[in-house]
Amino acid sequence: MKIYLYPNLDKTHCFEYTTATYERLHKNGAKLFMDTCYKRVFGKLDITFCSEDECVKQCDICLLYTSPSPRDR
């Protein structure tokens, strides 16, 4: 499965939540994509960085990620 991760780094703890989500998805065999603008933040992870248009074309799912809802805590 190919998944486009689209985090909102303006949200509290978004880096930690996005990294945890990456780890779970990657562990289960997903191929992950992010816009190139996130490369400086998440560049050490095994993610394919490309333009937003290219990510949308290649992926099956888009995960728009901000932060957990209160019910997730």
PDB file of N, CA and C in Angstrom:
ATOM      1  N   MET A   1       0.834  -1.170   0.000  1.00  0.00           N
ATOM      2  CA  MET A   1       0.000   0.000   0.000  1.00  0.00           C
ATOM      3  C   MET A   1       0.888   1.246   0.000  1.00  0.00           C
ATOM      4  N   LYS A   2       0.512   2.224  -0.781  1.00  0.00           N
ATOM      5  CA  LYS A   2       1.234   3.499  -0.863  1.00  0.00           C
ATOM      6  C   LYS A   2       0.408   4.576  -0.169  1.00  0.00           C
ATOM      7  N   ILE A   3       1.039   5.241   0.796  1.00  0.00           N
ATOM      8  CA  ILE A   3       0.324   6.220   1.606  1.00  0.00           C
ATOM      9  C   ILE A   3       1.051   7.559   1.572  1.00  0.00           C
ATOM     10  N   TYR A   4       0.294   8.604   1.337  1.00  0.00           N
ATOM     11  CA  TYR A   4       0.800   9.975   1.316  1.00  0.00           C
ATOM     12  C   TYR A   4       0.549  10.579   2.691  1.00  0.00           C
ATOM     13  N   LEU A   5       1.620  10.874   3.426  1.00  0.00           N
ATOM     14  CA  LEU A   5       1.504  11.510   4.740  1.00  0.00           C
ATOM     15  C   LEU A   5       1.592  13.025   4.569  1.00  0.00           C
ATOM     16  N   TYR A   6       0.645  13.720   5.129  1.00  0.00           N
ATOM     17  CA  TYR A   6       0.590  15.174   5.004  1.00  0.00           C
ATOM     18  C   TYR A   6       0.412  15.781   6.394  1.00  0.00           C
ATOM     19  N   PRO A   7       1.514  15.947   7.148  1.00  0.00           N
ATOM     20  CA  PRO A   7       1.391  16.459   8.513  1.00  0.00           C
ATOM     21  C   PRO A   7       1.206  17.968   8.569  1.00  0.00           C
ATOM     22  N   ASN A   8       0.666  18.435   9.671  1.00  0.00           N
ATOM     23  CA  ASN A   8       0.548  19.873   9.928  1.00  0.00           C
ATOM     24  C   ASN A   8       1.478  20.181  11.095  1.00  0.00           C
ATOM     25  N   LEU A   9       2.686  20.632  10.790  1.00  0.00           N
ATOM     26  CA  LEU A   9       3.694  20.834  11.822  1.00  0.00           C
ATOM     27  C   LEU A   9       3.400  22.001  12.751  1.00  0.00           C
ATOM     28  N   ASP A  10       2.363  22.770  12.460  1.00  0.00           N
ATOM     29  CA  ASP A  10       1.970  23.854  13.359  1.00  0.00           C
ATOM     30  C   ASP A  10       1.233  23.332  14.596  1.00  0.00           C
ATOM     31  N   LYS A  11       0.786  22.108  14.546  1.00  0.00           N
ATOM     32  CA  LYS A  11       0.049  21.529  15.665  1.00  0.00           C
ATOM     33  C   LYS A  11       1.015  20.988  16.717  1.00  0.00           C
ATOM     34  N   THR A  12       0.624  21.060  17.965  1.00  0.00           N
ATOM     35  CA  THR A  12       1.424  20.557  19.078  1.00  0.00           C
ATOM     36  C   THR A  12       1.678  19.060  18.920  1.00  0.00           C
ATOM     37  N   HIS A  13       2.895  18.650  19.099  1.00  0.00           N
ATOM     38  CA  HIS A  13       3.324  17.249  19.073  1.00  0.00           C
ATOM     39  C   HIS A  13       3.160  16.568  17.716  1.00  0.00           C
ATOM     40  N   CYS A  14       2.943  17.316  16.667  1.00  0.00           N
ATOM     41  CA  CYS A  14       2.720  16.705  15.354  1.00  0.00           C
ATOM     42  C   CYS A  14       3.923  15.878  14.897  1.00  0.00           C
ATOM     43  N   PHE A  15       5.142  16.361  15.159  1.00  0.00           N
ATOM     44  CA  PHE A  15       6.324  15.611  14.750  1.00  0.00           C
ATOM     45  C   PHE A  15       6.319  14.227  15.403  1.00  0.00           C
ATOM     46  N   GLU A  16       6.059  14.165  16.690  1.00  0.00           N
ATOM     47  CA  GLU A  16       6.047  12.894  17.406  1.00  0.00           C
ATOM     48  C   GLU A  16       4.934  11.974  16.899  1.00  0.00           C
ATOM     49  N   TYR A  17       3.754  12.530  16.699  1.00  0.00           N
ATOM     50  CA  TYR A  17       2.638  11.713  16.220  1.00  0.00           C
ATOM     51  C   TYR A  17       2.877  11.217  14.795  1.00  0.00           C
ATOM     52  N   THR A  18       3.425  12.071  13.957  1.00  0.00           N
ATOM     53  CA  THR A  18       3.702  11.672  12.582  1.00  0.00           C
ATOM     54  C   THR A  18       4.773  10.596  12.548  1.00  0.00           C
ATOM     55  N   THR A  19       5.807  10.740  13.369  1.00  0.00           N
ATOM     56  CA  THR A  19       6.870   9.739  13.423  1.00  0.00           C
ATOM     57  C   THR A  19       6.327   8.403  13.924  1.00  0.00           C
ATOM     58  N   ALA A  20       5.483   8.424  14.939  1.00  0.00           N
ATOM     59  CA  ALA A  20       4.877   7.194  15.457  1.00  0.00           C
ATOM     60  C   ALA A  20       3.987   6.538  14.403  1.00  0.00           C
ATOM     61  N   THR A  21       3.224   7.351  13.680  1.00  0.00           N
ATOM     62  CA  THR A  21       2.379   6.824  12.604  1.00  0.00           C
ATOM     63  C   THR A  21       3.242   6.204  11.514  1.00  0.00           C
ATOM     64  N   TYR A  22       4.320   6.903  11.136  1.00  0.00           N
ATOM     65  CA  TYR A  22       5.268   6.375  10.150  1.00  0.00           C
ATOM     66  C   TYR A  22       5.775   5.005  10.593  1.00  0.00           C
ATOM     67  N   GLU A  23       6.211   4.895  11.844  1.00  0.00           N
ATOM     68  CA  GLU A  23       6.790   3.635  12.331  1.00  0.00           C
ATOM     69  C   GLU A  23       5.797   2.485  12.227  1.00  0.00           C
ATOM     70  N   ARG A  24       4.547   2.726  12.605  1.00  0.00           N
ATOM     71  CA  ARG A  24       3.525   1.672  12.524  1.00  0.00           C
ATOM     72  C   ARG A  24       3.252   1.264  11.078  1.00  0.00           C
ATOM     73  N   LEU A  25       3.102   2.250  10.208  1.00  0.00           N
ATOM     74  CA  LEU A  25       2.798   1.953   8.807  1.00  0.00           C
ATOM     75  C   LEU A  25       3.972   1.276   8.116  1.00  0.00           C
ATOM     76  N   HIS A  26       5.169   1.788   8.357  1.00  0.00           N
ATOM     77  CA  HIS A  26       6.375   1.228   7.741  1.00  0.00           C
ATOM     78  C   HIS A  26       6.580  -0.222   8.196  1.00  0.00           C
ATOM     79  N   LYS A  27       6.386  -0.482   9.478  1.00  0.00           N
ATOM     80  CA  LYS A  27       6.522  -1.824  10.044  1.00  0.00           C
ATOM     81  C   LYS A  27       5.570  -2.813   9.357  1.00  0.00           C
ATOM     82  N   ASN A  28       4.413  -2.310   8.926  1.00  0.00           N
ATOM     83  CA  ASN A  28       3.417  -3.165   8.274  1.00  0.00           C
ATOM     84  C   ASN A  28       3.538  -3.174   6.756  1.00  0.00           C
ATOM     85  N   GLY A  29       4.662  -2.666   6.238  1.00  0.00           N
ATOM     86  CA  GLY A  29       4.949  -2.800   4.813  1.00  0.00           C
ATOM     87  C   GLY A  29       4.454  -1.692   3.905  1.00  0.00           C
ATOM     88  N   ALA A  30       3.928  -0.618   4.461  1.00  0.00           N
ATOM     89  CA  ALA A  30       3.443   0.480   3.615  1.00  0.00           C
ATOM     90  C   ALA A  30       4.628   1.257   3.033  1.00  0.00           C
ATOM     91  N   LYS A  31       4.469   1.724   1.819  1.00  0.00           N
ATOM     92  CA  LYS A  31       5.435   2.637   1.201  1.00  0.00           C
ATOM     93  C   LYS A  31       4.889   4.031   1.418  1.00  0.00           C
ATOM     94  N   LEU A  32       5.713   4.878   2.044  1.00  0.00           N
ATOM     95  CA  LEU A  32       5.235   6.186   2.464  1.00  0.00           C
ATOM     96  C   LEU A  32       5.821   7.309   1.626  1.00  0.00           C
ATOM     97  N   PHE A  33       4.986   8.307   1.363  1.00  0.00           N
ATOM     98  CA  PHE A  33       5.346   9.465   0.543  1.00  0.00           C
ATOM     99  C   PHE A  33       5.054  10.738   1.323  1.00  0.00           C
ATOM    100  N   MET A  34       5.873  11.769   1.074  1.00  0.00           N
ATOM    101  CA  MET A  34       5.641  13.106   1.624  1.00  0.00           C
ATOM    102  C   MET A  34       6.089  14.127   0.601  1.00  0.00           C
ATOM    103  N   ASP A  35       5.484  15.306   0.681  1.00  0.00           N
ATOM    104  CA  ASP A  35       5.900  16.426  -0.151  1.00  0.00           C
ATOM    105  C   ASP A  35       7.354  16.774   0.181  1.00  0.00           C
ATOM    106  N   THR A  36       8.086  17.226  -0.806  1.00  0.00           N
ATOM    107  CA  THR A  36       9.503  17.558  -0.612  1.00  0.00           C
ATOM    108  C   THR A  36       9.723  18.633   0.446  1.00  0.00           C
ATOM    109  N   CYS A  37       8.725  19.450   0.741  1.00  0.00           N
ATOM    110  CA  CYS A  37       8.890  20.503   1.754  1.00  0.00           C
ATOM    111  C   CYS A  37       9.144  19.925   3.145  1.00  0.00           C
ATOM    112  N   TYR A  38       8.838  18.649   3.371  1.00  0.00           N
ATOM    113  CA  TYR A  38       9.052  18.018   4.674  1.00  0.00           C
ATOM    114  C   TYR A  38      10.384  17.279   4.776  1.00  0.00           C
ATOM    115  N   LYS A  39      11.162  17.288   3.726  1.00  0.00           N
ATOM    116  CA  LYS A  39      12.406  16.508   3.713  1.00  0.00           C
ATOM    117  C   LYS A  39      13.370  16.940   4.820  1.00  0.00           C
ATOM    118  N   ARG A  40      13.478  18.233   5.090  1.00  0.00           N
ATOM    119  CA  ARG A  40      14.417  18.678   6.128  1.00  0.00           C
ATOM    120  C   ARG A  40      13.990  18.211   7.519  1.00  0.00           C
ATOM    121  N   VAL A  41      12.707  17.959   7.721  1.00  0.00           N
ATOM    122  CA  VAL A  41      12.204  17.524   9.025  1.00  0.00           C
ATOM    123  C   VAL A  41      12.209  15.998   9.154  1.00  0.00           C
ATOM    124  N   PHE A  42      11.781  15.294   8.098  1.00  0.00           N
ATOM    125  CA  PHE A  42      11.622  13.847   8.161  1.00  0.00           C
ATOM    126  C   PHE A  42      12.593  13.095   7.247  1.00  0.00           C
ATOM    127  N   GLY A  43      13.623  13.766   6.788  1.00  0.00           N
ATOM    128  CA  GLY A  43      14.546  13.192   5.804  1.00  0.00           C
ATOM    129  C   GLY A  43      15.274  11.932   6.221  1.00  0.00           C
ATOM    130  N   LYS A  44      15.384  11.666   7.518  1.00  0.00           N
ATOM    131  CA  LYS A  44      16.087  10.462   7.986  1.00  0.00           C
ATOM    132  C   LYS A  44      15.212   9.216   7.934  1.00  0.00           C
ATOM    133  N   LEU A  45      13.920   9.400   7.719  1.00  0.00           N
ATOM    134  CA  LEU A  45      13.001   8.265   7.647  1.00  0.00           C
ATOM    135  C   LEU A  45      12.970   7.712   6.222  1.00  0.00           C
ATOM    136  N   ASP A  46      12.577   6.464   6.095  1.00  0.00           N
ATOM    137  CA  ASP A  46      12.497   5.813   4.780  1.00  0.00           C
ATOM    138  C   ASP A  46      11.193   6.224   4.097  1.00  0.00           C
ATOM    139  N   ILE A  47      11.206   7.454   3.578  1.00  0.00           N
ATOM    140  CA  ILE A  47      10.035   8.042   2.929  1.00  0.00           C
ATOM    141  C   ILE A  47      10.458   8.530   1.547  1.00  0.00           C
ATOM    142  N   THR A  48       9.581   8.387   0.570  1.00  0.00           N
ATOM    143  CA  THR A  48       9.822   8.951  -0.754  1.00  0.00           C
ATOM    144  C   THR A  48       9.306  10.386  -0.749  1.00  0.00           C
ATOM    145  N   PHE A  49      10.186  11.321  -1.054  1.00  0.00           N
ATOM    146  CA  PHE A  49       9.806  12.736  -1.104  1.00  0.00           C
ATOM    147  C   PHE A  49       9.648  13.151  -2.556  1.00  0.00           C
ATOM    148  N   CYS A  50       8.511  13.764  -2.868  1.00  0.00           N
ATOM    149  CA  CYS A  50       8.239  14.216  -4.233  1.00  0.00           C
ATOM    150  C   CYS A  50       7.231  15.364  -4.161  1.00  0.00           C
ATOM    151  N   SER A  51       6.894  15.909  -5.313  1.00  0.00           N
ATOM    152  CA  SER A  51       5.924  17.013  -5.329  1.00  0.00           C
ATOM    153  C   SER A  51       4.560  16.510  -4.859  1.00  0.00           C
ATOM    154  N   GLU A  52       3.737  17.433  -4.406  1.00  0.00           N
ATOM    155  CA  GLU A  52       2.394  17.070  -3.952  1.00  0.00           C
ATOM    156  C   GLU A  52       1.618  16.370  -5.069  1.00  0.00           C
ATOM    157  N   ASP A  53       1.701  16.891  -6.283  1.00  0.00           N
ATOM    158  CA  ASP A  53       0.992  16.273  -7.413  1.00  0.00           C
ATOM    159  C   ASP A  53       1.457  14.837  -7.639  1.00  0.00           C
ATOM    160  N   GLU A  54       2.762  14.615  -7.550  1.00  0.00           N
ATOM    161  CA  GLU A  54       3.300  13.273  -7.767  1.00  0.00           C
ATOM    162  C   GLU A  54       2.872  12.331  -6.639  1.00  0.00           C
ATOM    163  N   CYS A  55       2.867  12.826  -5.411  1.00  0.00           N
ATOM    164  CA  CYS A  55       2.408  12.014  -4.278  1.00  0.00           C
ATOM    165  C   CYS A  55       0.963  11.569  -4.489  1.00  0.00           C
ATOM    166  N   VAL A  56       0.116  12.501  -4.878  1.00  0.00           N
ATOM    167  CA  VAL A  56      -1.305  12.202  -5.088  1.00  0.00           C
ATOM    168  C   VAL A  56      -1.467  11.171  -6.202  1.00  0.00           C
ATOM    169  N   LYS A  57      -0.700  11.296  -7.275  1.00  0.00           N
ATOM    170  CA  LYS A  57      -0.791  10.351  -8.396  1.00  0.00           C
ATOM    171  C   LYS A  57      -0.387   8.944  -7.986  1.00  0.00           C
ATOM    172  N   GLN A  58       0.655   8.824  -7.161  1.00  0.00           N
ATOM    173  CA  GLN A  58       1.227   7.515  -6.851  1.00  0.00           C
ATOM    174  C   GLN A  58       0.549   6.783  -5.706  1.00  0.00           C
ATOM    175  N   CYS A  59      -0.165   7.496  -4.835  1.00  0.00           N
ATOM    176  CA  CYS A  59      -0.638   6.888  -3.596  1.00  0.00           C
ATOM    177  C   CYS A  59      -2.078   6.402  -3.657  1.00  0.00           C
ATOM    178  N   ASP A  60      -2.345   5.399  -2.812  1.00  0.00           N
ATOM    179  CA  ASP A  60      -3.686   4.833  -2.669  1.00  0.00           C
ATOM    180  C   ASP A  60      -4.498   5.605  -1.630  1.00  0.00           C
ATOM    181  N   ILE A  61      -3.789   6.132  -0.612  1.00  0.00           N
ATOM    182  CA  ILE A  61      -4.435   6.784   0.528  1.00  0.00           C
ATOM    183  C   ILE A  61      -3.669   8.058   0.865  1.00  0.00           C
ATOM    184  N   CYS A  62      -4.397   9.086   1.316  1.00  0.00           N
ATOM    185  CA  CYS A  62      -3.766  10.308   1.804  1.00  0.00           C
ATOM    186  C   CYS A  62      -4.152  10.462   3.275  1.00  0.00           C
ATOM    187  N   LEU A  63      -3.145  10.499   4.148  1.00  0.00           N
ATOM    188  CA  LEU A  63      -3.388  10.705   5.572  1.00  0.00           C
ATOM    189  C   LEU A  63      -3.092  12.156   5.906  1.00  0.00           C
ATOM    190  N   LEU A  64      -4.125  12.944   6.086  1.00  0.00           N
ATOM    191  CA  LEU A  64      -3.968  14.331   6.503  1.00  0.00           C
ATOM    192  C   LEU A  64      -3.858  14.307   8.011  1.00  0.00           C
ATOM    193  N   TYR A  65      -2.709  14.679   8.513  1.00  0.00           N
ATOM    194  CA  TYR A  65      -2.446  14.463   9.923  1.00  0.00           C
ATOM    195  C   TYR A  65      -2.156  15.750  10.659  1.00  0.00           C
ATOM    196  N   THR A  66      -2.914  15.998  11.710  1.00  0.00           N
ATOM    197  CA  THR A  66      -2.670  17.180  12.526  1.00  0.00           C
ATOM    198  C   THR A  66      -2.271  16.719  13.920  1.00  0.00           C
ATOM    199  N   SER A  67      -3.192  16.312  14.700  1.00  0.00           N
ATOM    200  CA  SER A  67      -2.923  15.810  16.059  1.00  0.00           C
ATOM    201  C   SER A  67      -4.108  14.952  16.457  1.00  0.00           C
ATOM    202  N   PRO A  68      -3.911  14.122  17.475  1.00  0.00           N
ATOM    203  CA  PRO A  68      -5.027  13.248  17.875  1.00  0.00           C
ATOM    204  C   PRO A  68      -6.219  14.041  18.402  1.00  0.00           C
ATOM    205  N   SER A  69      -7.367  13.497  18.192  1.00  0.00           N
ATOM    206  CA  SER A  69      -8.560  14.135  18.746  1.00  0.00           C
ATOM    207  C   SER A  69      -8.612  13.808  20.250  1.00  0.00           C
ATOM    208  N   PRO A  70      -9.385  14.545  21.013  1.00  0.00           N
ATOM    209  CA  PRO A  70      -9.476  14.272  22.461  1.00  0.00           C
ATOM    210  C   PRO A  70      -9.881  12.831  22.770  1.00  0.00           C
ATOM    211  N   ARG A  71     -10.679  12.214  21.910  1.00  0.00           N
ATOM    212  CA  ARG A  71     -11.099  10.833  22.173  1.00  0.00           C
ATOM    213  C   ARG A  71      -9.966   9.830  21.968  1.00  0.00           C
ATOM    214  N   ASP A  72      -8.871  10.220  21.314  1.00  0.00           N
ATOM    215  CA  ASP A  72      -7.731   9.340  21.113  1.00  0.00           C
ATOM    216  C   ASP A  72      -6.777   9.329  22.301  1.00  0.00           C
ATOM    217  N   ARG A  73      -6.977  10.210  23.240  1.00  0.00           N
ATOM    218  CA  ARG A  73      -6.043  10.316  24.374  1.00  0.00           C
ATOM    219  C   ARG A  73      -6.398   9.395  25.495  1.00  0.00           C
TER     220      ARG A  73
END
